[in-house]
Amino acid sequence: MIAWKGANKVDQTWMSLITDVGGFPVAVTFYLLHRIETKLNTLIESIVTLPEKMK
């Protein structure tokens, strides 16, 4: 494994996990997390504007 200058143990653990598991499952996971994040942002915006709409 390549050790980066300034990388801490957690970063090294993640990089080790990614290289051991393979690229495809990691890519799918990051894609799904990105989709969930955008949906959560939309939900948060809706909740924030809800009190104004209820007036």
PDB file of N, CA and C in Angstrom:
ATOM      1  N   MET A   1       0.838  -1.176   0.000  1.00  0.00           N
ATOM      2  CA  MET A   1       0.000   0.000   0.000  1.00  0.00           C
ATOM      3  C   MET A   1       0.878   1.232   0.000  1.00  0.00           C
ATOM      4  N   ILE A   2       0.445   2.273  -0.698  1.00  0.00           N
ATOM      5  CA  ILE A   2       1.188   3.521  -0.766  1.00  0.00           C
ATOM      6  C   ILE A   2       0.804   4.367   0.436  1.00  0.00           C
ATOM      7  N   ALA A   3       1.801   4.792   1.187  1.00  0.00           N
ATOM      8  CA  ALA A   3       1.547   5.661   2.343  1.00  0.00           C
ATOM      9  C   ALA A   3       1.759   7.098   1.907  1.00  0.00           C
ATOM     10  N   TRP A   4       0.734   7.908   2.059  1.00  0.00           N
ATOM     11  CA  TRP A   4       0.832   9.304   1.680  1.00  0.00           C
ATOM     12  C   TRP A   4       1.387  10.107   2.825  1.00  0.00           C
ATOM     13  N   LYS A   5       2.097  11.150   2.478  1.00  0.00           N
ATOM     14  CA  LYS A   5       2.659  12.031   3.493  1.00  0.00           C
ATOM     15  C   LYS A   5       1.516  12.740   4.204  1.00  0.00           C
ATOM     16  N   GLY A   6       1.463  12.623   5.509  1.00  0.00           N
ATOM     17  CA  GLY A   6       0.427  13.279   6.293  1.00  0.00           C
ATOM     18  C   GLY A   6      -0.854  12.476   6.423  1.00  0.00           C
ATOM     19  N   ALA A   7      -0.928  11.309   5.808  1.00  0.00           N
ATOM     20  CA  ALA A   7      -2.151  10.503   5.917  1.00  0.00           C
ATOM     21  C   ALA A   7      -2.188   9.848   7.291  1.00  0.00           C
ATOM     22  N   ASN A   8      -3.350   9.888   7.903  1.00  0.00           N
ATOM     23  CA  ASN A   8      -3.462   9.252   9.220  1.00  0.00           C
ATOM     24  C   ASN A   8      -3.891   7.798   9.062  1.00  0.00           C
ATOM     25  N   LYS A   9      -4.009   7.112  10.174  1.00  0.00           N
ATOM     26  CA  LYS A   9      -4.317   5.675  10.154  1.00  0.00           C
ATOM     27  C   LYS A   9      -5.690   5.401   9.551  1.00  0.00           C
ATOM     28  N   VAL A  10      -6.663   6.285   9.787  1.00  0.00           N
ATOM     29  CA  VAL A  10      -8.004   6.079   9.232  1.00  0.00           C
ATOM     30  C   VAL A  10      -7.953   6.151   7.714  1.00  0.00           C
ATOM     31  N   ASP A  11      -7.239   7.137   7.166  1.00  0.00           N
ATOM     32  CA  ASP A  11      -7.121   7.253   5.715  1.00  0.00           C
ATOM     33  C   ASP A  11      -6.461   6.012   5.128  1.00  0.00           C
ATOM     34  N   GLN A  12      -5.425   5.527   5.797  1.00  0.00           N
ATOM     35  CA  GLN A  12      -4.737   4.331   5.313  1.00  0.00           C
ATOM     36  C   GLN A  12      -5.656   3.117   5.375  1.00  0.00           C
ATOM     37  N   THR A  13      -6.486   3.055   6.416  1.00  0.00           N
ATOM     38  CA  THR A  13      -7.424   1.940   6.538  1.00  0.00           C
ATOM     39  C   THR A  13      -8.435   1.973   5.400  1.00  0.00           C
ATOM     40  N   TRP A  14      -8.967   3.157   5.083  1.00  0.00           N
ATOM     41  CA  TRP A  14      -9.934   3.278   3.984  1.00  0.00           C
ATOM     42  C   TRP A  14      -9.294   2.889   2.656  1.00  0.00           C
ATOM     43  N   MET A  15      -8.076   3.372   2.420  1.00  0.00           N
ATOM     44  CA  MET A  15      -7.414   3.047   1.162  1.00  0.00           C
ATOM     45  C   MET A  15      -7.142   1.546   1.074  1.00  0.00           C
ATOM     46  N   SER A  16      -6.773   0.937   2.185  1.00  0.00           N
ATOM     47  CA  SER A  16      -6.544  -0.501   2.195  1.00  0.00           C
ATOM     48  C   SER A  16      -7.838  -1.252   1.894  1.00  0.00           C
ATOM     49  N   LEU A  17      -8.935  -0.796   2.487  1.00  0.00           N
ATOM     50  CA  LEU A  17     -10.229  -1.433   2.255  1.00  0.00           C
ATOM     51  C   LEU A  17     -10.641  -1.314   0.791  1.00  0.00           C
ATOM     52  N   ILE A  18     -10.461  -0.137   0.217  1.00  0.00           N
ATOM     53  CA  ILE A  18     -10.845   0.085  -1.183  1.00  0.00           C
ATOM     54  C   ILE A  18     -10.031  -0.804  -2.108  1.00  0.00           C
ATOM     55  N   THR A  19      -8.731  -0.896  -1.876  1.00  0.00           N
ATOM     56  CA  THR A  19      -7.907  -1.717  -2.764  1.00  0.00           C
ATOM     57  C   THR A  19      -8.168  -3.202  -2.558  1.00  0.00           C
ATOM     58  N   ASP A  20      -8.503  -3.606  -1.333  1.00  0.00           N
ATOM     59  CA  ASP A  20      -8.774  -5.022  -1.079  1.00  0.00           C
ATOM     60  C   ASP A  20     -10.117  -5.462  -1.655  1.00  0.00           C
ATOM     61  N   VAL A  21     -11.129  -4.645  -1.507  1.00  0.00           N
ATOM     62  CA  VAL A  21     -12.477  -5.007  -1.941  1.00  0.00           C
ATOM     63  C   VAL A  21     -12.603  -4.894  -3.452  1.00  0.00           C
ATOM     64  N   GLY A  22     -12.003  -3.912  -4.029  1.00  0.00           N
ATOM     65  CA  GLY A  22     -12.107  -3.710  -5.466  1.00  0.00           C
ATOM     66  C   GLY A  22     -12.853  -2.429  -5.752  1.00  0.00           C
ATOM     67  N   GLY A  23     -12.738  -1.943  -6.934  1.00  0.00           N
ATOM     68  CA  GLY A  23     -13.276  -0.646  -7.288  1.00  0.00           C
ATOM     69  C   GLY A  23     -14.777  -0.592  -7.486  1.00  0.00           C
ATOM     70  N   PHE A  24     -15.378  -1.643  -8.027  1.00  0.00           N
ATOM     71  CA  PHE A  24     -16.793  -1.573  -8.377  1.00  0.00           C
ATOM     72  C   PHE A  24     -17.713  -1.382  -7.177  1.00  0.00           C
ATOM     73  N   PRO A  25     -17.605  -2.181  -6.128  1.00  0.00           N
ATOM     74  CA  PRO A  25     -18.502  -1.962  -4.983  1.00  0.00           C
ATOM     75  C   PRO A  25     -18.308  -0.595  -4.341  1.00  0.00           C
ATOM     76  N   VAL A  26     -17.089  -0.120  -4.318  1.00  0.00           N
ATOM     77  CA  VAL A  26     -16.818   1.192  -3.740  1.00  0.00           C
ATOM     78  C   VAL A  26     -17.455   2.277  -4.603  1.00  0.00           C
ATOM     79  N   ALA A  27     -17.324   2.153  -5.907  1.00  0.00           N
ATOM     80  CA  ALA A  27     -17.908   3.139  -6.816  1.00  0.00           C
ATOM     81  C   ALA A  27     -19.429   3.169  -6.671  1.00  0.00           C
ATOM     82  N   VAL A  28     -20.061   2.011  -6.590  1.00  0.00           N
ATOM     83  CA  VAL A  28     -21.515   1.945  -6.424  1.00  0.00           C
ATOM     84  C   VAL A  28     -21.928   2.575  -5.101  1.00  0.00           C
ATOM     85  N   THR A  29     -21.181   2.294  -4.045  1.00  0.00           N
ATOM     86  CA  THR A  29     -21.495   2.852  -2.734  1.00  0.00           C
ATOM     87  C   THR A  29     -21.418   4.371  -2.751  1.00  0.00           C
ATOM     88  N   PHE A  30     -20.338   4.929  -3.328  1.00  0.00           N
ATOM     89  CA  PHE A  30     -20.206   6.382  -3.381  1.00  0.00           C
ATOM     90  C   PHE A  30     -21.294   7.008  -4.250  1.00  0.00           C
ATOM     91  N   TYR A  31     -21.682   6.341  -5.321  1.00  0.00           N
ATOM     92  CA  TYR A  31     -22.760   6.851  -6.169  1.00  0.00           C
ATOM     93  C   TYR A  31     -24.076   6.905  -5.393  1.00  0.00           C
ATOM     94  N   LEU A  32     -24.377   5.830  -4.673  1.00  0.00           N
ATOM     95  CA  LEU A  32     -25.624   5.792  -3.904  1.00  0.00           C
ATOM     96  C   LEU A  32     -25.601   6.808  -2.762  1.00  0.00           C
ATOM     97  N   LEU A  33     -24.463   6.967  -2.113  1.00  0.00           N
ATOM     98  CA  LEU A  33     -24.360   7.974  -1.058  1.00  0.00           C
ATOM     99  C   LEU A  33     -24.570   9.374  -1.606  1.00  0.00           C
ATOM    100  N   HIS A  34     -24.069   9.634  -2.802  1.00  0.00           N
ATOM    101  CA  HIS A  34     -24.269  10.949  -3.426  1.00  0.00           C
ATOM    102  C   HIS A  34     -25.751  11.186  -3.721  1.00  0.00           C
ATOM    103  N   ARG A  35     -26.427  10.167  -4.226  1.00  0.00           N
ATOM    104  CA  ARG A  35     -27.868  10.305  -4.509  1.00  0.00           C
ATOM    105  C   ARG A  35     -28.659  10.543  -3.232  1.00  0.00           C
ATOM    106  N   ILE A  36     -28.326   9.804  -2.184  1.00  0.00           N
ATOM    107  CA  ILE A  36     -29.024   9.982  -0.912  1.00  0.00           C
ATOM    108  C   ILE A  36     -28.774  11.376  -0.362  1.00  0.00           C
ATOM    109  N   GLU A  37     -27.544  11.871  -0.526  1.00  0.00           N
ATOM    110  CA  GLU A  37     -27.218  13.202  -0.019  1.00  0.00           C
ATOM    111  C   GLU A  37     -28.063  14.278  -0.689  1.00  0.00           C
ATOM    112  N   THR A  38     -28.246  14.182  -2.011  1.00  0.00           N
ATOM    113  CA  THR A  38     -29.043  15.197  -2.700  1.00  0.00           C
ATOM    114  C   THR A  38     -30.503  15.125  -2.260  1.00  0.00           C
ATOM    115  N   LYS A  39     -31.006  13.929  -2.039  1.00  0.00           N
ATOM    116  CA  LYS A  39     -32.387  13.785  -1.579  1.00  0.00           C
ATOM    117  C   LYS A  39     -32.543  14.313  -0.150  1.00  0.00           C
ATOM    118  N   LEU A  40     -31.552  14.086   0.688  1.00  0.00           N
ATOM    119  CA  LEU A  40     -31.600  14.607   2.056  1.00  0.00           C
ATOM    120  C   LEU A  40     -31.541  16.134   2.064  1.00  0.00           C
ATOM    121  N   ASN A  41     -30.746  16.721   1.180  1.00  0.00           N
ATOM    122  CA  ASN A  41     -30.696  18.179   1.099  1.00  0.00           C
ATOM    123  C   ASN A  41     -32.054  18.753   0.700  1.00  0.00           C
ATOM    124  N   THR A  42     -32.727  18.106  -0.231  1.00  0.00           N
ATOM    125  CA  THR A  42     -34.067  18.538  -0.630  1.00  0.00           C
ATOM    126  C   THR A  42     -35.041  18.422   0.540  1.00  0.00           C
ATOM    127  N   LEU A  43     -34.950  17.335   1.281  1.00  0.00           N
ATOM    128  CA  LEU A  43     -35.816  17.134   2.446  1.00  0.00           C
ATOM    129  C   LEU A  43     -35.557  18.186   3.514  1.00  0.00           C
ATOM    130  N   ILE A  44     -34.305  18.505   3.757  1.00  0.00           N
ATOM    131  CA  ILE A  44     -33.963  19.528   4.758  1.00  0.00           C
ATOM    132  C   ILE A  44     -34.516  20.876   4.344  1.00  0.00           C
ATOM    133  N   GLU A  45     -34.383  21.230   3.070  1.00  0.00           N
ATOM    134  CA  GLU A  45     -34.928  22.500   2.585  1.00  0.00           C
ATOM    135  C   GLU A  45     -36.440  22.543   2.769  1.00  0.00           C
ATOM    136  N   SER A  46     -37.113  21.442   2.512  1.00  0.00           N
ATOM    137  CA  SER A  46     -38.566  21.389   2.681  1.00  0.00           C
ATOM    138  C   SER A  46     -38.956  21.570   4.143  1.00  0.00           C
ATOM    139  N   ILE A  47     -38.224  20.942   5.030  1.00  0.00           N
ATOM    140  CA  ILE A  47     -38.527  21.059   6.458  1.00  0.00           C
ATOM    141  C   ILE A  47     -38.284  22.480   6.950  1.00  0.00           C
ATOM    142  N   VAL A  48     -37.231  23.125   6.457  1.00  0.00           N
ATOM    143  CA  VAL A  48     -36.928  24.494   6.877  1.00  0.00           C
ATOM    144  C   VAL A  48     -38.018  25.458   6.416  1.00  0.00           C
ATOM    145  N   THR A  49     -38.552  25.264   5.205  1.00  0.00           N
ATOM    146  CA  THR A  49     -39.575  26.181   4.686  1.00  0.00           C
ATOM    147  C   THR A  49     -40.982  25.831   5.163  1.00  0.00           C
ATOM    148  N   LEU A  50     -41.159  24.710   5.814  1.00  0.00           N
ATOM    149  CA  LEU A  50     -42.481  24.272   6.260  1.00  0.00           C
ATOM    150  C   LEU A  50     -43.169  25.267   7.192  1.00  0.00           C
ATOM    151  N   PRO A  51     -42.497  25.810   8.219  1.00  0.00           N
ATOM    152  CA  PRO A  51     -43.190  26.770   9.089  1.00  0.00           C
ATOM    153  C   PRO A  51     -43.709  27.997   8.353  1.00  0.00           C
ATOM    154  N   GLU A  52     -42.987  28.458   7.343  1.00  0.00           N
ATOM    155  CA  GLU A  52     -43.448  29.613   6.565  1.00  0.00           C
ATOM    156  C   GLU A  52     -44.706  29.266   5.767  1.00  0.00           C
ATOM    157  N   LYS A  53     -44.775  28.042   5.257  1.00  0.00           N
ATOM    158  CA  LYS A  53     -45.921  27.617   4.464  1.00  0.00           C
ATOM    159  C   LYS A  53     -47.150  27.376   5.329  1.00  0.00           C
ATOM    160  N   MET A  54     -46.948  27.079   6.608  1.00  0.00           N
ATOM    161  CA  MET A  54     -48.059  26.783   7.489  1.00  0.00           C
ATOM    162  C   MET A  54     -48.734  28.038   8.051  1.00  0.00           C
ATOM    163  N   LYS A  55     -48.114  29.198   7.851  1.00  0.00           N
ATOM    164  CA  LYS A  55     -48.697  30.458   8.354  1.00  0.00           C
ATOM    165  C   LYS A  55     -49.912  30.861   7.583  1.00  0.00           C
TER     166      LYS A  55
END
